[in-house]
Amino acid sequence: MKHLFRRIFDAVKRWLAGLSFRTGVIILTSCLVFYILSFAQMLLPISPAAKGILWVVLFGMAKTTQYVGLAIVGVEGWRRIKSYFKRDKSAQKD
């Protein structure tokens, strides 16, 4: 059983790594949206139980999209994203 889960996990990981860098960036952007929504929904005039359920679902989606996005872009893609923001900040200082 453990071997089956490992094979499925490896197949999903290979499939995600095969997606484009742009797709990974889009998914990471949706991660930010889910994080914002998970806390912004607390302002809605609904019951505390509904707020709790919404928070769990939205925060779970944020974490899922975060890990999927990072799996898609990979280590080199993450360095590319970080260097983009570092370069942008250094250009503003000049």
PDB file of N, CA and C in Angstrom:
ATOM      1  N   MET A   1       0.823  -1.193   0.000  1.00  0.00           N
ATOM      2  CA  MET A   1       0.000   0.000   0.000  1.00  0.00           C
ATOM      3  C   MET A   1       0.870   1.261   0.000  1.00  0.00           C
ATOM      4  N   LYS A   2       1.925   1.234   0.812  1.00  0.00           N
ATOM      5  CA  LYS A   2       2.830   2.378   0.880  1.00  0.00           C
ATOM      6  C   LYS A   2       3.488   2.619  -0.480  1.00  0.00           C
ATOM      7  N   HIS A   3       3.838   1.534  -1.147  1.00  0.00           N
ATOM      8  CA  HIS A   3       4.473   1.633  -2.463  1.00  0.00           C
ATOM      9  C   HIS A   3       3.521   2.259  -3.481  1.00  0.00           C
ATOM     10  N   LEU A   4       2.239   1.931  -3.400  1.00  0.00           N
ATOM     11  CA  LEU A   4       1.238   2.483  -4.313  1.00  0.00           C
ATOM     12  C   LEU A   4       1.114   3.991  -4.132  1.00  0.00           C
ATOM     13  N   PHE A   5       1.025   4.442  -2.881  1.00  0.00           N
ATOM     14  CA  PHE A   5       0.932   5.878  -2.612  1.00  0.00           C
ATOM     15  C   PHE A   5       2.183   6.611  -3.090  1.00  0.00           C
ATOM     16  N   ARG A   6       3.324   6.001  -2.915  1.00  0.00           N
ATOM     17  CA  ARG A   6       4.575   6.620  -3.350  1.00  0.00           C
ATOM     18  C   ARG A   6       4.604   6.788  -4.873  1.00  0.00           C
ATOM     19  N   ARG A   7       4.132   5.754  -5.596  1.00  0.00           N
ATOM     20  CA  ARG A   7       4.090   5.833  -7.062  1.00  0.00           C
ATOM     21  C   ARG A   7       3.123   6.914  -7.520  1.00  0.00           C
ATOM     22  N   ILE A   8       1.965   7.002  -6.875  1.00  0.00           N
ATOM     23  CA  ILE A   8       0.982   8.029  -7.233  1.00  0.00           C
ATOM     24  C   ILE A   8       1.552   9.416  -6.950  1.00  0.00           C
ATOM     25  N   PHE A   9       2.173   9.584  -5.788  1.00  0.00           N
ATOM     26  CA  PHE A   9       2.776  10.868  -5.421  1.00  0.00           C
ATOM     27  C   PHE A   9       3.849  11.271  -6.426  1.00  0.00           C
ATOM     28  N   ASP A  10       4.703  10.334  -6.807  1.00  0.00           N
ATOM     29  CA  ASP A  10       5.758  10.636  -7.780  1.00  0.00           C
ATOM     30  C   ASP A  10       5.178  11.002  -9.141  1.00  0.00           C
ATOM     31  N   ALA A  11       4.106  10.325  -9.551  1.00  0.00           N
ATOM     32  CA  ALA A  11       3.476  10.636 -10.841  1.00  0.00           C
ATOM     33  C   ALA A  11       2.873  12.036 -10.835  1.00  0.00           C
ATOM     34  N   VAL A  12       2.218  12.407  -9.741  1.00  0.00           N
ATOM     35  CA  VAL A  12       1.629  13.747  -9.633  1.00  0.00           C
ATOM     36  C   VAL A  12       2.731  14.801  -9.614  1.00  0.00           C
ATOM     37  N   LYS A  13       3.795  14.529  -8.891  1.00  0.00           N
ATOM     38  CA  LYS A  13       4.914  15.471  -8.809  1.00  0.00           C
ATOM     39  C   LYS A  13       5.552  15.687 -10.181  1.00  0.00           C
ATOM     40  N   ARG A  14       5.735  14.609 -10.952  1.00  0.00           N
ATOM     41  CA  ARG A  14       6.293  14.736 -12.309  1.00  0.00           C
ATOM     42  C   ARG A  14       5.359  15.540 -13.206  1.00  0.00           C
ATOM     43  N   TRP A  15       4.050  15.298 -13.082  1.00  0.00           N
ATOM     44  CA  TRP A  15       3.080  16.023 -13.902  1.00  0.00           C
ATOM     45  C   TRP A  15       3.111  17.514 -13.572  1.00  0.00           C
ATOM     46  N   LEU A  16       3.154  17.845 -12.280  1.00  0.00           N
ATOM     47  CA  LEU A  16       3.209  19.252 -11.877  1.00  0.00           C
ATOM     48  C   LEU A  16       4.493  19.913 -12.362  1.00  0.00           C
ATOM     49  N   ALA A  17       5.611  19.204 -12.264  1.00  0.00           N
ATOM     50  CA  ALA A  17       6.888  19.769 -12.698  1.00  0.00           C
ATOM     51  C   ALA A  17       6.910  20.000 -14.206  1.00  0.00           C
ATOM     52  N   GLY A  18       6.065  19.301 -14.939  1.00  0.00           N
ATOM     53  CA  GLY A  18       6.010  19.472 -16.382  1.00  0.00           C
ATOM     54  C   GLY A  18       5.213  20.684 -16.827  1.00  0.00           C
ATOM     55  N   LEU A  19       4.481  21.299 -15.911  1.00  0.00           N
ATOM     56  CA  LEU A  19       3.705  22.481 -16.263  1.00  0.00           C
ATOM     57  C   LEU A  19       4.628  23.691 -16.404  1.00  0.00           C
ATOM     58  N   SER A  20       4.155  24.707 -17.073  1.00  0.00           N
ATOM     59  CA  SER A  20       5.009  25.858 -17.382  1.00  0.00           C
ATOM     60  C   SER A  20       5.236  26.758 -16.165  1.00  0.00           C
ATOM     61  N   PHE A  21       6.295  27.549 -16.255  1.00  0.00           N
ATOM     62  CA  PHE A  21       6.620  28.520 -15.213  1.00  0.00           C
ATOM     63  C   PHE A  21       5.479  29.515 -15.038  1.00  0.00           C
ATOM     64  N   ARG A  22       4.898  29.937 -16.150  1.00  0.00           N
ATOM     65  CA  ARG A  22       3.798  30.904 -16.102  1.00  0.00           C
ATOM     66  C   ARG A  22       2.603  30.337 -15.330  1.00  0.00           C
ATOM     67  N   THR A  23       2.295  29.069 -15.549  1.00  0.00           N
ATOM     68  CA  THR A  23       1.204  28.427 -14.815  1.00  0.00           C
ATOM     69  C   THR A  23       1.490  28.443 -13.319  1.00  0.00           C
ATOM     70  N   GLY A  24       2.733  28.165 -12.942  1.00  0.00           N
ATOM     71  CA  GLY A  24       3.111  28.194 -11.533  1.00  0.00           C
ATOM     72  C   GLY A  24       2.944  29.565 -10.916  1.00  0.00           C
ATOM     73  N   VAL A  25       3.315  30.603 -11.656  1.00  0.00           N
ATOM     74  CA  VAL A  25       3.170  31.972 -11.146  1.00  0.00           C
ATOM     75  C   VAL A  25       1.691  32.323 -10.987  1.00  0.00           C
ATOM     76  N   ILE A  26       0.860  31.899 -11.926  1.00  0.00           N
ATOM     77  CA  ILE A  26      -0.580  32.158 -11.823  1.00  0.00           C
ATOM     78  C   ILE A  26      -1.155  31.463 -10.597  1.00  0.00           C
ATOM     79  N   ILE A  27      -0.746  30.230 -10.349  1.00  0.00           N
ATOM     80  CA  ILE A  27      -1.242  29.498  -9.181  1.00  0.00           C
ATOM     81  C   ILE A  27      -0.734  30.138  -7.892  1.00  0.00           C
ATOM     82  N   LEU A  28       0.513  30.599  -7.876  1.00  0.00           N
ATOM     83  CA  LEU A  28       1.019  31.292  -6.685  1.00  0.00           C
ATOM     84  C   LEU A  28       0.275  32.604  -6.444  1.00  0.00           C
ATOM     85  N   THR A  29      -0.142  33.272  -7.500  1.00  0.00           N
ATOM     86  CA  THR A  29      -0.939  34.492  -7.349  1.00  0.00           C
ATOM     87  C   THR A  29      -2.307  34.166  -6.763  1.00  0.00           C
ATOM     88  N   SER A  30      -2.891  33.053  -7.205  1.00  0.00           N
ATOM     89  CA  SER A  30      -4.184  32.658  -6.634  1.00  0.00           C
ATOM     90  C   SER A  30      -4.034  32.295  -5.160  1.00  0.00           C
ATOM     91  N   CYS A  31      -2.855  31.849  -4.771  1.00  0.00           N
ATOM     92  CA  CYS A  31      -2.577  31.571  -3.362  1.00  0.00           C
ATOM     93  C   CYS A  31      -2.750  32.837  -2.530  1.00  0.00           C
ATOM     94  N   LEU A  32      -2.223  33.952  -3.022  1.00  0.00           N
ATOM     95  CA  LEU A  32      -2.380  35.227  -2.315  1.00  0.00           C
ATOM     96  C   LEU A  32      -3.849  35.612  -2.183  1.00  0.00           C
ATOM     97  N   VAL A  33      -4.605  35.390  -3.241  1.00  0.00           N
ATOM     98  CA  VAL A  33      -6.038  35.710  -3.212  1.00  0.00           C
ATOM     99  C   VAL A  33      -6.743  34.879  -2.143  1.00  0.00           C
ATOM    100  N   PHE A  34      -6.430  33.584  -2.066  1.00  0.00           N
ATOM    101  CA  PHE A  34      -7.061  32.733  -1.056  1.00  0.00           C
ATOM    102  C   PHE A  34      -6.663  33.148   0.361  1.00  0.00           C
ATOM    103  N   TYR A  35      -5.405  33.547   0.563  1.00  0.00           N
ATOM    104  CA  TYR A  35      -4.996  34.029   1.885  1.00  0.00           C
ATOM    105  C   TYR A  35      -5.783  35.285   2.274  1.00  0.00           C
ATOM    106  N   ILE A  36      -5.923  36.203   1.356  1.00  0.00           N
ATOM    107  CA  ILE A  36      -6.678  37.430   1.643  1.00  0.00           C
ATOM    108  C   ILE A  36      -8.132  37.102   1.949  1.00  0.00           C
ATOM    109  N   LEU A  37      -8.740  36.244   1.131  1.00  0.00           N
ATOM    110  CA  LEU A  37     -10.143  35.875   1.353  1.00  0.00           C
ATOM    111  C   LEU A  37     -10.343  35.127   2.668  1.00  0.00           C
ATOM    112  N   SER A  38      -9.361  34.302   3.057  1.00  0.00           N
ATOM    113  CA  SER A  38      -9.529  33.522   4.281  1.00  0.00           C
ATOM    114  C   SER A  38      -9.641  34.413   5.515  1.00  0.00           C
ATOM    115  N   PHE A  39      -9.012  35.578   5.476  1.00  0.00           N
ATOM    116  CA  PHE A  39      -9.123  36.485   6.614  1.00  0.00           C
ATOM    117  C   PHE A  39     -10.169  37.571   6.394  1.00  0.00           C
ATOM    118  N   ALA A  40     -10.393  37.978   5.158  1.00  0.00           N
ATOM    119  CA  ALA A  40     -11.384  39.018   4.874  1.00  0.00           C
ATOM    120  C   ALA A  40     -12.806  38.534   5.143  1.00  0.00           C
ATOM    121  N   GLN A  41     -13.046  37.233   5.028  1.00  0.00           N
ATOM    122  CA  GLN A  41     -14.396  36.727   5.261  1.00  0.00           C
ATOM    123  C   GLN A  41     -14.831  36.909   6.711  1.00  0.00           C
ATOM    124  N   MET A  42     -13.903  37.184   7.601  1.00  0.00           N
ATOM    125  CA  MET A  42     -14.258  37.426   9.003  1.00  0.00           C
ATOM    126  C   MET A  42     -15.104  38.693   9.155  1.00  0.00           C
ATOM    127  N   LEU A  43     -15.068  39.567   8.169  1.00  0.00           N
ATOM    128  CA  LEU A  43     -15.856  40.800   8.220  1.00  0.00           C
ATOM    129  C   LEU A  43     -17.312  40.587   7.807  1.00  0.00           C
ATOM    130  N   LEU A  44     -17.624  39.417   7.266  1.00  0.00           N
ATOM    131  CA  LEU A  44     -18.996  39.147   6.821  1.00  0.00           C
ATOM    132  C   LEU A  44     -19.933  38.986   8.018  1.00  0.00           C
ATOM    133  N   PRO A  45     -21.184  39.434   7.876  1.00  0.00           N
ATOM    134  CA  PRO A  45     -22.145  39.300   8.982  1.00  0.00           C
ATOM    135  C   PRO A  45     -22.822  37.922   8.977  1.00  0.00           C
ATOM    136  N   ILE A  46     -22.039  36.873   9.237  1.00  0.00           N
ATOM    137  CA  ILE A  46     -22.582  35.518   9.294  1.00  0.00           C
ATOM    138  C   ILE A  46     -22.196  34.894  10.625  1.00  0.00           C
ATOM    139  N   SER A  47     -22.737  33.710  10.893  1.00  0.00           N
ATOM    140  CA  SER A  47     -22.501  33.066  12.186  1.00  0.00           C
ATOM    141  C   SER A  47     -21.027  32.678  12.352  1.00  0.00           C
ATOM    142  N   PRO A  48     -20.586  32.595  13.597  1.00  0.00           N
ATOM    143  CA  PRO A  48     -19.191  32.199  13.847  1.00  0.00           C
ATOM    144  C   PRO A  48     -18.862  30.806  13.303  1.00  0.00           C
ATOM    145  N   ALA A  49     -19.832  29.901  13.330  1.00  0.00           N
ATOM    146  CA  ALA A  49     -19.585  28.560  12.790  1.00  0.00           C
ATOM    147  C   ALA A  49     -19.321  28.623  11.288  1.00  0.00           C
ATOM    148  N   ALA A  50     -20.112  29.413  10.583  1.00  0.00           N
ATOM    149  CA  ALA A  50     -19.917  29.561   9.137  1.00  0.00           C
ATOM    150  C   ALA A  50     -18.578  30.234   8.846  1.00  0.00           C
ATOM    151  N   LYS A  51     -18.205  31.203   9.676  1.00  0.00           N
ATOM    152  CA  LYS A  51     -16.907  31.863   9.497  1.00  0.00           C
ATOM    153  C   LYS A  51     -15.768  30.865   9.684  1.00  0.00           C
ATOM    154  N   GLY A  52     -15.908  30.003  10.668  1.00  0.00           N
ATOM    155  CA  GLY A  52     -14.886  28.988  10.913  1.00  0.00           C
ATOM    156  C   GLY A  52     -14.751  28.022   9.753  1.00  0.00           C
ATOM    157  N   ILE A  53     -15.881  27.588   9.222  1.00  0.00           N
ATOM    158  CA  ILE A  53     -15.860  26.677   8.078  1.00  0.00           C
ATOM    159  C   ILE A  53     -15.236  27.359   6.864  1.00  0.00           C
ATOM    160  N   LEU A  54     -15.652  28.601   6.608  1.00  0.00           N
ATOM    161  CA  LEU A  54     -15.078  29.343   5.480  1.00  0.00           C
ATOM    162  C   LEU A  54     -13.573  29.527   5.649  1.00  0.00           C
ATOM    163  N   TRP A  55     -13.134  29.818   6.867  1.00  0.00           N
ATOM    164  CA  TRP A  55     -11.716  30.019   7.098  1.00  0.00           C
ATOM    165  C   TRP A  55     -10.936  28.733   6.816  1.00  0.00           C
ATOM    166  N   VAL A  56     -11.442  27.604   7.302  1.00  0.00           N
ATOM    167  CA  VAL A  56     -10.753  26.329   7.080  1.00  0.00           C
ATOM    168  C   VAL A  56     -10.658  26.019   5.588  1.00  0.00           C
ATOM    169  N   VAL A  57     -11.761  26.204   4.870  1.00  0.00           N
ATOM    170  CA  VAL A  57     -11.770  25.905   3.435  1.00  0.00           C
ATOM    171  C   VAL A  57     -10.838  26.850   2.673  1.00  0.00           C
ATOM    172  N   LEU A  58     -10.959  28.150   2.919  1.00  0.00           N
ATOM    173  CA  LEU A  58     -10.151  29.118   2.175  1.00  0.00           C
ATOM    174  C   LEU A  58      -8.668  29.030   2.535  1.00  0.00           C
ATOM    175  N   PHE A  59      -8.364  28.838   3.819  1.00  0.00           N
ATOM    176  CA  PHE A  59      -6.969  28.710   4.228  1.00  0.00           C
ATOM    177  C   PHE A  59      -6.376  27.417   3.676  1.00  0.00           C
ATOM    178  N   GLY A  60      -7.177  26.363   3.656  1.00  0.00           N
ATOM    179  CA  GLY A  60      -6.726  25.106   3.055  1.00  0.00           C
ATOM    180  C   GLY A  60      -6.423  25.259   1.578  1.00  0.00           C
ATOM    181  N   MET A  61      -7.285  26.001   0.880  1.00  0.00           N
ATOM    182  CA  MET A  61      -7.040  26.260  -0.541  1.00  0.00           C
ATOM    183  C   MET A  61      -5.770  27.098  -0.728  1.00  0.00           C
ATOM    184  N   ALA A  62      -5.547  28.052   0.174  1.00  0.00           N
ATOM    185  CA  ALA A  62      -4.340  28.880   0.083  1.00  0.00           C
ATOM    186  C   ALA A  62      -3.088  28.017   0.231  1.00  0.00           C
ATOM    187  N   LYS A  63      -3.083  27.137   1.217  1.00  0.00           N
ATOM    188  CA  LYS A  63      -1.928  26.271   1.432  1.00  0.00           C
ATOM    189  C   LYS A  63      -1.739  25.304   0.268  1.00  0.00           C
ATOM    190  N   THR A  64      -2.843  24.758  -0.234  1.00  0.00           N
ATOM    191  CA  THR A  64      -2.754  23.822  -1.355  1.00  0.00           C
ATOM    192  C   THR A  64      -2.177  24.502  -2.588  1.00  0.00           C
ATOM    193  N   THR A  65      -2.699  25.688  -2.916  1.00  0.00           N
ATOM    194  CA  THR A  65      -2.186  26.387  -4.096  1.00  0.00           C
ATOM    195  C   THR A  65      -0.738  26.830  -3.885  1.00  0.00           C
ATOM    196  N   GLN A  66      -0.372  27.125  -2.650  1.00  0.00           N
ATOM    197  CA  GLN A  66       1.017  27.501  -2.369  1.00  0.00           C
ATOM    198  C   GLN A  66       1.955  26.339  -2.684  1.00  0.00           C
ATOM    199  N   TYR A  67       1.654  25.160  -2.168  1.00  0.00           N
ATOM    200  CA  TYR A  67       2.535  24.016  -2.379  1.00  0.00           C
ATOM    201  C   TYR A  67       2.525  23.543  -3.826  1.00  0.00           C
ATOM    202  N   VAL A  68       1.360  23.591  -4.477  1.00  0.00           N
ATOM    203  CA  VAL A  68       1.285  23.198  -5.883  1.00  0.00           C
ATOM    204  C   VAL A  68       2.066  24.191  -6.742  1.00  0.00           C
ATOM    205  N   GLY A  69       1.902  25.475  -6.471  1.00  0.00           N
ATOM    206  CA  GLY A  69       2.632  26.490  -7.231  1.00  0.00           C
ATOM    207  C   GLY A  69       4.132  26.344  -7.077  1.00  0.00           C
ATOM    208  N   LEU A  70       4.577  26.067  -5.860  1.00  0.00           N
ATOM    209  CA  LEU A  70       6.015  25.879  -5.638  1.00  0.00           C
ATOM    210  C   LEU A  70       6.524  24.614  -6.309  1.00  0.00           C
ATOM    211  N   ALA A  71       5.692  23.572  -6.348  1.00  0.00           N
ATOM    212  CA  ALA A  71       6.094  22.346  -7.042  1.00  0.00           C
ATOM    213  C   ALA A  71       6.209  22.584  -8.542  1.00  0.00           C
ATOM    214  N   ILE A  72       5.371  23.452  -9.076  1.00  0.00           N
ATOM    215  CA  ILE A  72       5.414  23.734 -10.512  1.00  0.00           C
ATOM    216  C   ILE A  72       6.638  24.573 -10.868  1.00  0.00           C
ATOM    217  N   VAL A  73       6.866  25.659 -10.150  1.00  0.00           N
ATOM    218  CA  VAL A  73       7.984  26.536 -10.522  1.00  0.00           C
ATOM    219  C   VAL A  73       9.330  25.927 -10.154  1.00  0.00           C
ATOM    220  N   GLY A  74       9.404  25.142  -9.115  1.00  0.00           N
ATOM    221  CA  GLY A  74      10.650  24.498  -8.729  1.00  0.00           C
ATOM    222  C   GLY A  74      11.630  25.470  -8.095  1.00  0.00           C
ATOM    223  N   VAL A  75      12.807  24.968  -7.807  1.00  0.00           N
ATOM    224  CA  VAL A  75      13.833  25.759  -7.125  1.00  0.00           C
ATOM    225  C   VAL A  75      14.329  26.892  -8.024  1.00  0.00           C
ATOM    226  N   GLU A  76      14.605  26.576  -9.275  1.00  0.00           N
ATOM    227  CA  GLU A  76      15.113  27.606 -10.187  1.00  0.00           C
ATOM    228  C   GLU A  76      14.063  28.677 -10.449  1.00  0.00           C
ATOM    229  N   GLY A  77      12.825  28.275 -10.571  1.00  0.00           N
ATOM    230  CA  GLY A  77      11.753  29.249 -10.775  1.00  0.00           C
ATOM    231  C   GLY A  77      11.577  30.151  -9.572  1.00  0.00           C
ATOM    232  N   TRP A  78      11.709  29.580  -8.369  1.00  0.00           N
ATOM    233  CA  TRP A  78      11.586  30.385  -7.156  1.00  0.00           C
ATOM    234  C   TRP A  78      12.712  31.412  -7.089  1.00  0.00           C
ATOM    235  N   ARG A  79      13.916  31.009  -7.476  1.00  0.00           N
ATOM    236  CA  ARG A  79      15.040  31.965  -7.521  1.00  0.00           C
ATOM    237  C   ARG A  79      14.763  33.066  -8.540  1.00  0.00           C
ATOM    238  N   ARG A  80      14.169  32.690  -9.648  1.00  0.00           N
ATOM    239  CA  ARG A  80      13.832  33.664 -10.691  1.00  0.00           C
ATOM    240  C   ARG A  80      12.822  34.690 -10.177  1.00  0.00           C
ATOM    241  N   ILE A  81      11.816  34.220  -9.441  1.00  0.00           N
ATOM    242  CA  ILE A  81      10.800  35.126  -8.885  1.00  0.00           C
ATOM    243  C   ILE A  81      11.441  36.065  -7.865  1.00  0.00           C
ATOM    244  N   LYS A  82      12.271  35.507  -6.963  1.00  0.00           N
ATOM    245  CA  LYS A  82      12.929  36.333  -5.953  1.00  0.00           C
ATOM    246  C   LYS A  82      13.845  37.370  -6.580  1.00  0.00           C
ATOM    247  N   SER A  83      14.582  36.981  -7.610  1.00  0.00           N
ATOM    248  CA  SER A  83      15.485  37.941  -8.249  1.00  0.00           C
ATOM    249  C   SER A  83      14.703  39.045  -8.951  1.00  0.00           C
ATOM    250  N   TYR A  84      13.516  38.728  -9.451  1.00  0.00           N
ATOM    251  CA  TYR A  84      12.678  39.755 -10.083  1.00  0.00           C
ATOM    252  C   TYR A  84      12.315  40.832  -9.068  1.00  0.00           C
ATOM    253  N   PHE A  85      11.900  40.419  -7.864  1.00  0.00           N
ATOM    254  CA  PHE A  85      11.511  41.400  -6.850  1.00  0.00           C
ATOM    255  C   PHE A  85      12.717  42.135  -6.275  1.00  0.00           C
ATOM    256  N   LYS A  86      13.855  41.468  -6.150  1.00  0.00           N
ATOM    257  CA  LYS A  86      15.061  42.150  -5.683  1.00  0.00           C
ATOM    258  C   LYS A  86      15.518  43.193  -6.690  1.00  0.00           C
ATOM    259  N   ARG A  87      15.471  42.846  -7.965  1.00  0.00           N
ATOM    260  CA  ARG A  87      15.873  43.775  -9.019  1.00  0.00           C
ATOM    261  C   ARG A  87      14.925  44.965  -9.053  1.00  0.00           C
ATOM    262  N   ASP A  88      13.630  44.720  -8.847  1.00  0.00           N
ATOM    263  CA  ASP A  88      12.632  45.790  -8.856  1.00  0.00           C
ATOM    264  C   ASP A  88      12.884  46.771  -7.709  1.00  0.00           C
ATOM    265  N   LYS A  89      13.232  46.269  -6.532  1.00  0.00           N
ATOM    266  CA  LYS A  89      13.499  47.139  -5.385  1.00  0.00           C
ATOM    267  C   LYS A  89      14.771  47.949  -5.596  1.00  0.00           C
ATOM    268  N   SER A  90      15.798  47.327  -6.168  1.00  0.00           N
ATOM    269  CA  SER A  90      17.049  48.063  -6.383  1.00  0.00           C
ATOM    270  C   SER A  90      16.877  49.135  -7.455  1.00  0.00           C
ATOM    271  N   ALA A  91      15.995  48.918  -8.411  1.00  0.00           N
ATOM    272  CA  ALA A  91      15.733  49.922  -9.449  1.00  0.00           C
ATOM    273  C   ALA A  91      14.999  51.125  -8.861  1.00  0.00           C
ATOM    274  N   GLN A  92      14.169  50.909  -7.844  1.00  0.00           N
ATOM    275  CA  GLN A  92      13.431  52.005  -7.216  1.00  0.00           C
ATOM    276  C   GLN A  92      14.351  52.884  -6.380  1.00  0.00           C
ATOM    277  N   LYS A  93      15.418  52.324  -5.820  1.00  0.00           N
ATOM    278  CA  LYS A  93      16.344  53.095  -4.992  1.00  0.00           C
ATOM    279  C   LYS A  93      17.170  54.068  -5.823  1.00  0.00           C
ATOM    280  N   ASP A  94      17.439  53.717  -7.075  1.00  0.00           N
ATOM    281  CA  ASP A  94      18.286  54.569  -7.933  1.00  0.00           C
ATOM    282  C   ASP A  94      17.591  55.777  -8.415  1.00  0.00           C
TER     283      ASP A  94
END
